[in-house]
C-alpha atoms as a PDB file:
ATOM      1  CA  UNK A   1       0.000   0.000   0.000  1.00  0.00           C
ATOM      2  CA  UNK A   2       1.583   3.273  -1.093  1.00  0.00           C
ATOM      3  CA  UNK A   3       1.122   6.437   0.978  1.00  0.00           C
ATOM      4  CA  UNK A   4       0.497   9.816  -0.685  1.00  0.00           C
ATOM      5  CA  UNK A   5       1.144  13.294   0.818  1.00  0.00           C
ATOM      6  CA  UNK A   6      -1.430  16.018   0.252  1.00  0.00           C
ATOM      7  CA  UNK A   7      -0.783  19.437   1.858  1.00  0.00           C
ATOM      8  CA  UNK A   8       1.384  17.959   4.577  1.00  0.00           C
ATOM      9  CA  UNK A   9      -1.150  15.257   5.403  1.00  0.00           C
ATOM     10  CA  UNK A  10      -0.389  11.624   4.851  1.00  0.00           C
ATOM     11  CA  UNK A  11      -3.248  10.049   2.912  1.00  0.00           C
ATOM     12  CA  UNK A  12      -3.526   6.268   2.639  1.00  0.00           C
ATOM     13  CA  UNK A  13      -5.585   4.740  -0.176  1.00  0.00           C
ATOM     14  CA  UNK A  14      -8.751   2.946   0.906  1.00  0.00           C
ATOM     15  CA  UNK A  15      -8.132  -0.728   1.656  1.00  0.00           C
ATOM     16  CA  UNK A  16      -9.261  -3.060  -1.107  1.00  0.00           C
ATOM     17  CA  UNK A  17     -11.808  -5.713  -0.128  1.00  0.00           C
ATOM     18  CA  UNK A  18     -10.516  -9.272   0.035  1.00  0.00           C
ATOM     19  CA  UNK A  19     -12.048 -11.534  -2.576  1.00  0.00           C
ATOM     20  CA  UNK A  20     -12.370 -15.205  -1.698  1.00  0.00           C
ATOM     21  CA  UNK A  21     -12.952 -17.685  -4.494  1.00  0.00           C
ATOM     22  CA  UNK A  22     -15.504 -20.303  -3.400  1.00  0.00           C
ATOM     23  CA  UNK A  23     -15.145 -23.592  -5.173  1.00  0.00           C
ATOM     24  CA  UNK A  24     -18.417 -25.239  -6.063  1.00  0.00           C
ATOM     25  CA  UNK A  25     -19.104 -28.822  -5.028  1.00  0.00           C
ATOM     26  CA  UNK A  26     -21.145 -30.627  -7.665  1.00  0.00           C
ATOM     27  CA  UNK A  27     -22.341 -34.217  -7.722  1.00  0.00           C
ATOM     28  CA  UNK A  28     -22.409 -36.299 -10.905  1.00  0.00           C
ATOM     29  CA  UNK A  29     -24.908 -39.142 -11.034  1.00  0.00           C
ATOM     30  CA  UNK A  30     -24.375 -41.118 -14.201  1.00  0.00           C
ATOM     31  CA  UNK A  31     -26.466 -43.892 -15.701  1.00  0.00           C
ATOM     32  CA  UNK A  32     -28.631 -45.047 -18.558  1.00  0.00           C
ATOM     33  CA  UNK A  33     -31.846 -43.987 -16.738  1.00  0.00           C
ATOM     34  CA  UNK A  34     -33.973 -46.378 -18.747  1.00  0.00           C
ATOM     35  CA  UNK A  35     -36.217 -45.045 -17.256  1.00  0.00           C
ATOM     36  CA  UNK A  36     -35.351 -42.692 -14.395  1.00  0.00           C
ATOM     37  CA  UNK A  37     -37.269 -43.681 -11.260  1.00  0.00           C
ATOM     38  CA  UNK A  38     -37.844 -42.558  -7.677  1.00  0.00           C
ATOM     39  CA  UNK A  39     -34.915 -44.555  -6.268  1.00  0.00           C
ATOM     40  CA  UNK A  40     -32.575 -42.569  -8.544  1.00  0.00           C
ATOM     41  CA  UNK A  41     -34.020 -39.331  -7.219  1.00  0.00           C
ATOM     42  CA  UNK A  42     -33.747 -40.501  -3.616  1.00  0.00           C
ATOM     43  CA  UNK A  43     -30.079 -41.475  -4.007  1.00  0.00           C
ATOM     44  CA  UNK A  44     -29.196 -38.170  -5.686  1.00  0.00           C
ATOM     45  CA  UNK A  45     -30.941 -36.126  -3.012  1.00  0.00           C
ATOM     46  CA  UNK A  46     -29.687 -38.081   0.015  1.00  0.00           C
ATOM     47  CA  UNK A  47     -26.060 -38.299  -1.178  1.00  0.00           C
ATOM     48  CA  UNK A  48     -25.973 -34.686  -2.301  1.00  0.00           C
ATOM     49  CA  UNK A  49     -27.390 -33.349   0.949  1.00  0.00           C
ATOM     50  CA  UNK A  50     -25.207 -35.606   3.117  1.00  0.00           C
ATOM     51  CA  UNK A  51     -22.080 -34.198   1.468  1.00  0.00           C
ATOM     52  CA  UNK A  52     -23.363 -30.596   1.432  1.00  0.00           C
ATOM     53  CA  UNK A  53     -23.055 -30.382  -2.347  1.00  0.00           C
ATOM     54  CA  UNK A  54     -24.235 -27.296  -4.194  1.00  0.00           C
ATOM     55  CA  UNK A  55     -25.996 -29.341  -6.869  1.00  0.00           C
ATOM     56  CA  UNK A  56     -26.321 -32.848  -8.283  1.00  0.00           C
ATOM     57  CA  UNK A  57     -26.220 -33.266 -12.056  1.00  0.00           C
ATOM     58  CA  UNK A  58     -27.799 -36.292 -13.713  1.00  0.00           C
ATOM     59  CA  UNK A  59     -25.451 -37.559 -16.417  1.00  0.00           C
ATOM     60  CA  UNK A  60     -27.243 -39.821 -18.924  1.00  0.00           C
ATOM     61  CA  UNK A  61     -24.987 -41.876 -21.183  1.00  0.00           C
ATOM     62  CA  UNK A  62     -25.339 -42.212 -24.927  1.00  0.00           C
ATOM     63  CA  UNK A  63     -24.027 -45.771 -25.012  1.00  0.00           C
ATOM     64  CA  UNK A  64     -22.916 -47.436 -21.759  1.00  0.00           C
ATOM     65  CA  UNK A  65     -19.487 -49.138 -21.854  1.00  0.00           C
ATOM     66  CA  UNK A  66     -20.768 -52.090 -19.790  1.00  0.00           C
ATOM     67  CA  UNK A  67     -19.679 -55.604 -20.604  1.00  0.00           C
ATOM     68  CA  UNK A  68     -23.275 -56.738 -20.172  1.00  0.00           C
ATOM     69  CA  UNK A  69     -24.787 -54.579 -22.915  1.00  0.00           C
ATOM     70  CA  UNK A  70     -28.122 -52.969 -22.039  1.00  0.00           C
ATOM     71  CA  UNK A  71     -30.734 -52.335 -24.681  1.00  0.00           C
ATOM     72  CA  UNK A  72     -31.898 -48.777 -24.100  1.00  0.00           C
ATOM     73  CA  UNK A  73     -34.662 -46.805 -25.746  1.00  0.00           C
ATOM     74  CA  UNK A  74     -33.787 -43.732 -27.795  1.00  0.00           C
ATOM     75  CA  UNK A  75     -31.724 -41.266 -25.782  1.00  0.00           C
ATOM     76  CA  UNK A  76     -34.145 -38.425 -26.562  1.00  0.00           C
ATOM     77  CA  UNK A  77     -36.862 -40.237 -24.608  1.00  0.00           C
ATOM     78  CA  UNK A  78     -34.542 -40.964 -21.679  1.00  0.00           C
ATOM     79  CA  UNK A  79     -33.500 -37.311 -21.544  1.00  0.00           C
ATOM     80  CA  UNK A  80     -37.107 -36.125 -21.831  1.00  0.00           C
ATOM     81  CA  UNK A  81     -38.107 -38.269 -18.841  1.00  0.00           C
ATOM     82  CA  UNK A  82     -35.142 -36.977 -16.834  1.00  0.00           C
ATOM     83  CA  UNK A  83     -36.193 -33.403 -17.542  1.00  0.00           C
ATOM     84  CA  UNK A  84     -39.703 -34.177 -16.309  1.00  0.00           C
ATOM     85  CA  UNK A  85     -38.416 -35.972 -13.201  1.00  0.00           C
ATOM     86  CA  UNK A  86     -36.191 -33.111 -11.988  1.00  0.00           C
ATOM     87  CA  UNK A  87     -38.251 -30.163 -13.230  1.00  0.00           C
ATOM     88  CA  UNK A  88     -39.435 -29.046  -9.785  1.00  0.00           C
ATOM     89  CA  UNK A  89     -36.183 -29.496  -7.867  1.00  0.00           C
ATOM     90  CA  UNK A  90     -33.594 -26.725  -8.213  1.00  0.00           C
ATOM     91  CA  UNK A  91     -31.025 -28.904  -6.421  1.00  0.00           C
ATOM     92  CA  UNK A  92     -30.958 -31.175  -9.477  1.00  0.00           C
ATOM     93  CA  UNK A  93     -29.588 -30.422 -12.913  1.00  0.00           C
ATOM     94  CA  UNK A  94     -28.929 -32.188 -16.216  1.00  0.00           C
ATOM     95  CA  UNK A  95     -25.511 -32.622 -17.867  1.00  0.00           C
ATOM     96  CA  UNK A  96     -25.729 -33.771 -21.500  1.00  0.00           C
ATOM     97  CA  UNK A  97     -22.026 -33.986 -22.316  1.00  0.00           C
ATOM     98  CA  UNK A  98     -22.104 -37.709 -23.091  1.00  0.00           C
ATOM     99  CA  UNK A  99     -25.371 -37.498 -25.023  1.00  0.00           C
ATOM    100  CA  UNK A 100     -24.057 -34.715 -27.260  1.00  0.00           C
ATOM    101  CA  UNK A 101     -20.779 -36.528 -27.857  1.00  0.00           C
ATOM    102  CA  UNK A 102     -22.471 -39.817 -28.708  1.00  0.00           C
ATOM    103  CA  UNK A 103     -20.812 -43.198 -28.887  1.00  0.00           C
ATOM    104  CA  UNK A 104     -19.488 -45.152 -25.914  1.00  0.00           C
ATOM    105  CA  UNK A 105     -19.390 -43.094 -22.724  1.00  0.00           C
ATOM    106  CA  UNK A 106     -16.229 -43.302 -20.615  1.00  0.00           C
ATOM    107  CA  UNK A 107     -16.338 -41.453 -17.300  1.00  0.00           C
ATOM    108  CA  UNK A 108     -12.675 -40.423 -17.519  1.00  0.00           C
ATOM    109  CA  UNK A 109     -13.233 -38.569 -20.816  1.00  0.00           C
ATOM    110  CA  UNK A 110     -16.374 -36.891 -19.500  1.00  0.00           C
ATOM    111  CA  UNK A 111     -14.907 -35.700 -16.202  1.00  0.00           C
ATOM    112  CA  UNK A 112     -11.707 -34.507 -17.881  1.00  0.00           C
ATOM    113  CA  UNK A 113     -13.701 -32.291 -20.265  1.00  0.00           C
ATOM    114  CA  UNK A 114     -15.897 -30.961 -17.460  1.00  0.00           C
ATOM    115  CA  UNK A 115     -12.864 -30.108 -15.327  1.00  0.00           C
ATOM    116  CA  UNK A 116     -11.355 -28.234 -18.266  1.00  0.00           C
ATOM    117  CA  UNK A 117     -14.568 -26.244 -18.727  1.00  0.00           C
ATOM    118  CA  UNK A 118     -15.126 -25.622 -15.014  1.00  0.00           C
ATOM    119  CA  UNK A 119     -11.765 -25.566 -13.184  1.00  0.00           C
ATOM    120  CA  UNK A 120     -13.421 -23.954 -10.133  1.00  0.00           C
ATOM    121  CA  UNK A 121     -15.671 -27.001  -9.511  1.00  0.00           C
ATOM    122  CA  UNK A 122     -14.926 -30.064  -7.395  1.00  0.00           C
ATOM    123  CA  UNK A 123     -16.880 -33.039  -8.764  1.00  0.00           C
ATOM    124  CA  UNK A 124     -18.274 -35.928  -6.708  1.00  0.00           C
ATOM    125  CA  UNK A 125     -19.136 -39.035  -8.719  1.00  0.00           C
ATOM    126  CA  UNK A 126     -22.078 -40.895  -7.115  1.00  0.00           C
ATOM    127  CA  UNK A 127     -22.179 -44.647  -7.782  1.00  0.00           C
ATOM    128  CA  UNK A 128     -23.833 -47.680  -6.219  1.00  0.00           C
ATOM    129  CA  UNK A 129     -21.927 -50.289  -4.257  1.00  0.00           C
ATOM    130  CA  UNK A 130     -22.293 -52.740  -7.145  1.00  0.00           C
ATOM    131  CA  UNK A 131     -20.424 -50.301  -9.399  1.00  0.00           C
ATOM    132  CA  UNK A 132     -17.784 -49.760  -6.708  1.00  0.00           C
ATOM    133  CA  UNK A 133     -17.035 -53.478  -6.968  1.00  0.00           C
ATOM    134  CA  UNK A 134     -16.170 -52.971 -10.650  1.00  0.00           C
ATOM    135  CA  UNK A 135     -13.961 -49.883 -10.241  1.00  0.00           C
ATOM    136  CA  UNK A 136     -10.773 -51.829 -11.087  1.00  0.00           C
ATOM    137  CA  UNK A 137     -12.226 -52.448 -14.585  1.00  0.00           C
ATOM    138  CA  UNK A 138     -13.136 -48.796 -15.282  1.00  0.00           C
ATOM    139  CA  UNK A 139     -11.336 -47.099 -18.163  1.00  0.00           C
ATOM    140  CA  UNK A 140      -8.273 -45.203 -16.859  1.00  0.00           C
ATOM    141  CA  UNK A 141      -9.483 -45.544 -13.295  1.00  0.00           C
ATOM    142  CA  UNK A 142      -6.100 -44.570 -11.798  1.00  0.00           C
ATOM    143  CA  UNK A 143      -6.274 -41.264 -13.663  1.00  0.00           C
ATOM    144  CA  UNK A 144      -9.974 -40.779 -12.980  1.00  0.00           C
ATOM    145  CA  UNK A 145      -9.581 -40.918  -9.178  1.00  0.00           C
ATOM    146  CA  UNK A 146      -7.221 -37.941  -9.454  1.00  0.00           C
ATOM    147  CA  UNK A 147      -9.950 -35.859 -11.126  1.00  0.00           C
ATOM    148  CA  UNK A 148     -13.046 -36.714  -9.107  1.00  0.00           C
ATOM    149  CA  UNK A 149     -14.179 -37.764  -5.628  1.00  0.00           C
ATOM    150  CA  UNK A 150     -16.042 -41.075  -5.691  1.00  0.00           C
ATOM    151  CA  UNK A 151     -19.159 -41.363  -3.508  1.00  0.00           C
ATOM    152  CA  UNK A 152     -20.396 -44.886  -2.857  1.00  0.00           C
ATOM    153  CA  UNK A 153     -23.972 -45.826  -1.953  1.00  0.00           C
ATOM    154  CA  UNK A 154     -24.130 -49.249  -0.322  1.00  0.00           C
ATOM    155  CA  UNK A 155     -26.233 -51.859  -2.121  1.00  0.00           C
ATOM    156  CA  UNK A 156     -27.518 -55.200  -0.785  1.00  0.00           C
ATOM    157  CA  UNK A 157     -25.658 -58.096  -2.368  1.00  0.00           C
ATOM    158  CA  UNK A 158     -22.624 -56.003  -3.338  1.00  0.00           C
ATOM    159  CA  UNK A 159     -19.239 -56.290  -1.639  1.00  0.00           C
ATOM    160  CA  UNK A 160     -19.338 -52.535  -0.995  1.00  0.00           C
ATOM    161  CA  UNK A 161     -15.575 -52.357  -0.574  1.00  0.00           C
ATOM    162  CA  UNK A 162     -12.617 -51.210  -2.652  1.00  0.00           C
ATOM    163  CA  UNK A 163      -8.985 -50.190  -2.394  1.00  0.00           C
ATOM    164  CA  UNK A 164      -9.785 -46.970  -4.257  1.00  0.00           C
ATOM    165  CA  UNK A 165     -10.688 -43.797  -2.306  1.00  0.00           C
ATOM    166  CA  UNK A 166     -14.460 -43.772  -1.872  1.00  0.00           C
ATOM    167  CA  UNK A 167     -16.637 -41.758   0.510  1.00  0.00           C
ATOM    168  CA  UNK A 168     -19.544 -43.944   1.624  1.00  0.00           C
ATOM    169  CA  UNK A 169     -23.024 -42.522   2.163  1.00  0.00           C
ATOM    170  CA  UNK A 170     -25.932 -44.389   3.756  1.00  0.00           C
ATOM    171  CA  UNK A 171     -29.184 -44.036   1.820  1.00  0.00           C
ATOM    172  CA  UNK A 172     -32.576 -45.666   2.582  1.00  0.00           C
ATOM    173  CA  UNK A 173     -32.941 -48.803   0.458  1.00  0.00           C
ATOM    174  CA  UNK A 174     -35.596 -49.024  -2.253  1.00  0.00           C
ATOM    175  CA  UNK A 175     -35.557 -52.461  -3.801  1.00  0.00           C
ATOM    176  CA  UNK A 176     -36.528 -51.945  -7.448  1.00  0.00           C
ATOM    177  CA  UNK A 177     -34.695 -51.035 -10.624  1.00  0.00           C
ATOM    178  CA  UNK A 178     -35.273 -49.737 -14.126  1.00  0.00           C
ATOM    179  CA  UNK A 179     -35.349 -53.364 -15.267  1.00  0.00           C
ATOM    180  CA  UNK A 180     -38.227 -54.055 -12.862  1.00  0.00           C
ATOM    181  CA  UNK A 181     -40.142 -51.058 -14.169  1.00  0.00           C
ATOM    182  CA  UNK A 182     -39.671 -52.041 -17.822  1.00  0.00           C
ATOM    183  CA  UNK A 183     -40.923 -55.540 -17.030  1.00  0.00           C
ATOM    184  CA  UNK A 184     -43.952 -54.229 -15.156  1.00  0.00           C
ATOM    185  CA  UNK A 185     -44.898 -51.938 -18.046  1.00  0.00           C
ATOM    186  CA  UNK A 186     -44.481 -54.793 -20.509  1.00  0.00           C
ATOM    187  CA  UNK A 187     -46.787 -57.053 -18.468  1.00  0.00           C
ATOM    188  CA  UNK A 188     -49.382 -54.352 -17.788  1.00  0.00           C
ATOM    189  CA  UNK A 189     -48.644 -53.859 -14.085  1.00  0.00           C
ATOM    190  CA  UNK A 190     -48.767 -50.540 -12.239  1.00  0.00           C
ATOM    191  CA  UNK A 191     -45.624 -48.405 -11.805  1.00  0.00           C
ATOM    192  CA  UNK A 192     -47.363 -45.697  -9.800  1.00  0.00           C
ATOM    193  CA  UNK A 193     -45.146 -44.343  -6.982  1.00  0.00           C
ATOM    194  CA  UNK A 194     -42.146 -46.099  -8.554  1.00  0.00           C
ATOM    195  CA  UNK A 195     -41.576 -43.253 -11.003  1.00  0.00           C
ATOM    196  CA  UNK A 196     -42.623 -39.579 -10.896  1.00  0.00           C
ATOM    197  CA  UNK A 197     -46.166 -39.147 -12.201  1.00  0.00           C
ATOM    198  CA  UNK A 198     -44.926 -37.078 -15.144  1.00  0.00           C
ATOM    199  CA  UNK A 199     -42.601 -39.924 -16.153  1.00  0.00           C
ATOM    200  CA  UNK A 200     -45.440 -42.441 -15.816  1.00  0.00           C
ATOM    201  CA  UNK A 201     -47.579 -40.277 -18.108  1.00  0.00           C
ATOM    202  CA  UNK A 202     -44.738 -39.955 -20.648  1.00  0.00           C
ATOM    203  CA  UNK A 203     -44.229 -43.723 -20.774  1.00  0.00           C
ATOM    204  CA  UNK A 204     -47.939 -44.256 -21.362  1.00  0.00           C
ATOM    205  CA  UNK A 205     -48.279 -41.459 -23.905  1.00  0.00           C
ATOM    206  CA  UNK A 206     -45.321 -42.670 -25.990  1.00  0.00           C
ATOM    207  CA  UNK A 207     -46.056 -46.363 -25.448  1.00  0.00           C
ATOM    208  CA  UNK A 208     -42.546 -47.102 -24.210  1.00  0.00           C
ATOM    209  CA  UNK A 209     -41.364 -50.532 -23.043  1.00  0.00           C
ATOM    210  CA  UNK A 210     -44.387 -52.419 -24.392  1.00  0.00           C
ATOM    211  CA  UNK A 211     -42.356 -54.454 -26.910  1.00  0.00           C
END
C-alpha cells in the first residue's frame, strides 16, 4: 500500500476488499436412466445433501461401456423423462455432455472435459456399491480418481468395498430397478409411486417398453 502526501497530510488509499474464491461442489450421477425412477431421485438427493453439495447433475450416457450390454430406448426419450423428473427441484440439474458426444461413454473422458470447462468445480461421482465393486475395470481408473471424488452408496448383495478412495453414504434402500419397471410396463402392471407421475404419463403417452 503506497502512501500519498497532500498538503502535509499523509493520505492512505482505501483498503481493497478481500475476494475469496468459493469452489463449487457438484455431484455427478451417471447412468442409462432407462427409465429414471424414484430410487434414482432418492439417491441423488440423500447423497448430495449428506455431502453438502451445491448441486447434483444427472449424467445420462449415450451408449454405456458395460460388458453386459443394455438395450436402451432412444436417448431423446430418456432425456425427456429426466427433464420431467427433476423439473421441480432446483437442487438437481442435467448434464448432456455424453449425449451430445455420442458413442461409448467413458467417465474419464467426460470428467476430464468438465474439469477443463469448469476448473473452479470439485466433482463428486455418485455410484452404487455394485459399481464400486467394478472400479478396477473402469477405463483409466487410476487417472480418474485424481480428477473426481467417488461417492459410494451401499447396495444389498454387493461387496461394498474397494482399495480406491471412496466416501460412503448411507441411503434408505428401495428395492426396485429400471429393469423391474420395464418388465412391469411390458406385463401391464402398475408403476405408480415407482416413477414420478410425469414420467409415468410420458411412458404411457409414448407407449414405451411395451415391446
